[in-house]
Amino acid sequence: MADFEAQAAISKAREAASLASYDIQKLPEDSVERQALHNLLTAVDSLVAAVDSDDAG
């Protein structure tokens, strides 16, 4: 059961990151906010991938 809950949380995190990515793309290309949010999203994606690989192993 814990595995199912972990997979559901990972799926939810990926969905939220995807929605955030879409919103970030709407910001002006040269804005500091867009770059900062992009960097933060990259970090979140890396953390999700790390948790997913730990869960799979």
C-alpha atoms as a PDB file:
ATOM      1  CA  MET A   1       0.000   0.000   0.000  1.00  0.00           C
ATOM      2  CA  ALA A   2       2.827   2.422   0.801  1.00  0.00           C
ATOM      3  CA  ASP A   3       4.239   1.863  -2.679  1.00  0.00           C
ATOM      4  CA  PHE A   4       0.916   2.854  -4.222  1.00  0.00           C
ATOM      5  CA  GLU A   5       0.789   6.005  -2.086  1.00  0.00           C
ATOM      6  CA  ALA A   6       4.353   6.923  -3.049  1.00  0.00           C
ATOM      7  CA  GLN A   7       3.606   6.432  -6.734  1.00  0.00           C
ATOM      8  CA  ALA A   8       0.461   8.546  -6.408  1.00  0.00           C
ATOM      9  CA  ALA A   9       2.449  11.341  -4.723  1.00  0.00           C
ATOM     10  CA  ILE A  10       5.126  11.189  -7.434  1.00  0.00           C
ATOM     11  CA  SER A  11       2.453  11.332 -10.121  1.00  0.00           C
ATOM     12  CA  LYS A  12       0.808  14.321  -8.442  1.00  0.00           C
ATOM     13  CA  ALA A  13       4.181  16.102  -8.168  1.00  0.00           C
ATOM     14  CA  ARG A  14       4.874  15.515 -11.854  1.00  0.00           C
ATOM     15  CA  GLU A  15       1.459  16.853 -12.807  1.00  0.00           C
ATOM     16  CA  ALA A  16       1.952  19.972 -10.675  1.00  0.00           C
ATOM     17  CA  ALA A  17       5.409  20.528 -12.182  1.00  0.00           C
ATOM     18  CA  SER A  18       3.944  20.241 -15.665  1.00  0.00           C
ATOM     19  CA  LEU A  19       1.265  22.804 -14.858  1.00  0.00           C
ATOM     20  CA  ALA A  20       3.888  25.128 -13.382  1.00  0.00           C
ATOM     21  CA  SER A  21       6.027  24.747 -16.492  1.00  0.00           C
ATOM     22  CA  TYR A  22       3.097  25.811 -18.639  1.00  0.00           C
ATOM     23  CA  ASP A  23       2.514  28.884 -16.467  1.00  0.00           C
ATOM     24  CA  ILE A  24       6.225  29.783 -16.458  1.00  0.00           C
ATOM     25  CA  GLN A  25       6.246  29.752 -20.261  1.00  0.00           C
ATOM     26  CA  LYS A  26       3.652  32.542 -20.219  1.00  0.00           C
ATOM     27  CA  LEU A  27       6.064  34.933 -18.476  1.00  0.00           C
ATOM     28  CA  PRO A  28       8.197  37.303 -20.565  1.00  0.00           C
ATOM     29  CA  GLU A  29      11.294  35.492 -21.823  1.00  0.00           C
ATOM     30  CA  ASP A  30      13.765  37.985 -20.439  1.00  0.00           C
ATOM     31  CA  SER A  31      12.236  38.266 -16.953  1.00  0.00           C
ATOM     32  CA  VAL A  32      14.217  37.442 -13.840  1.00  0.00           C
ATOM     33  CA  GLU A  33      11.129  35.749 -12.408  1.00  0.00           C
ATOM     34  CA  ARG A  34      10.883  33.366 -15.346  1.00  0.00           C
ATOM     35  CA  GLN A  35      14.523  32.311 -14.976  1.00  0.00           C
ATOM     36  CA  ALA A  36      14.198  31.902 -11.216  1.00  0.00           C
ATOM     37  CA  LEU A  37      11.045  29.814 -11.542  1.00  0.00           C
ATOM     38  CA  HIS A  38      12.609  27.742 -14.304  1.00  0.00           C
ATOM     39  CA  ASN A  39      15.609  27.006 -12.055  1.00  0.00           C
ATOM     40  CA  LEU A  40      13.307  26.078  -9.182  1.00  0.00           C
ATOM     41  CA  LEU A  41      11.248  23.814 -11.428  1.00  0.00           C
ATOM     42  CA  THR A  42      14.425  22.114 -12.648  1.00  0.00           C
ATOM     43  CA  ALA A  43      15.339  21.398  -9.021  1.00  0.00           C
ATOM     44  CA  VAL A  44      11.866  20.016  -8.294  1.00  0.00           C
ATOM     45  CA  ASP A  45      12.038  17.783 -11.385  1.00  0.00           C
ATOM     46  CA  SER A  46      15.400  16.443 -10.207  1.00  0.00           C
ATOM     47  CA  LEU A  47      14.037  15.729  -6.735  1.00  0.00           C
ATOM     48  CA  VAL A  48      11.003  13.925  -8.162  1.00  0.00           C
ATOM     49  CA  ALA A  49      13.262  11.831 -10.369  1.00  0.00           C
ATOM     50  CA  ALA A  50      15.492  10.973  -7.386  1.00  0.00           C
ATOM     51  CA  VAL A  51      12.533   9.955  -5.233  1.00  0.00           C
ATOM     52  CA  ASP A  52      11.086   7.939  -8.111  1.00  0.00           C
ATOM     53  CA  SER A  53      14.369   6.077  -8.673  1.00  0.00           C
ATOM     54  CA  ASP A  54      14.738   5.368  -4.943  1.00  0.00           C
ATOM     55  CA  ASP A  55      11.154   4.104  -4.834  1.00  0.00           C
ATOM     56  CA  ALA A  56      11.718   1.850  -7.842  1.00  0.00           C
ATOM     57  CA  GLY A  57      14.895   0.349  -6.406  1.00  0.00           C
END
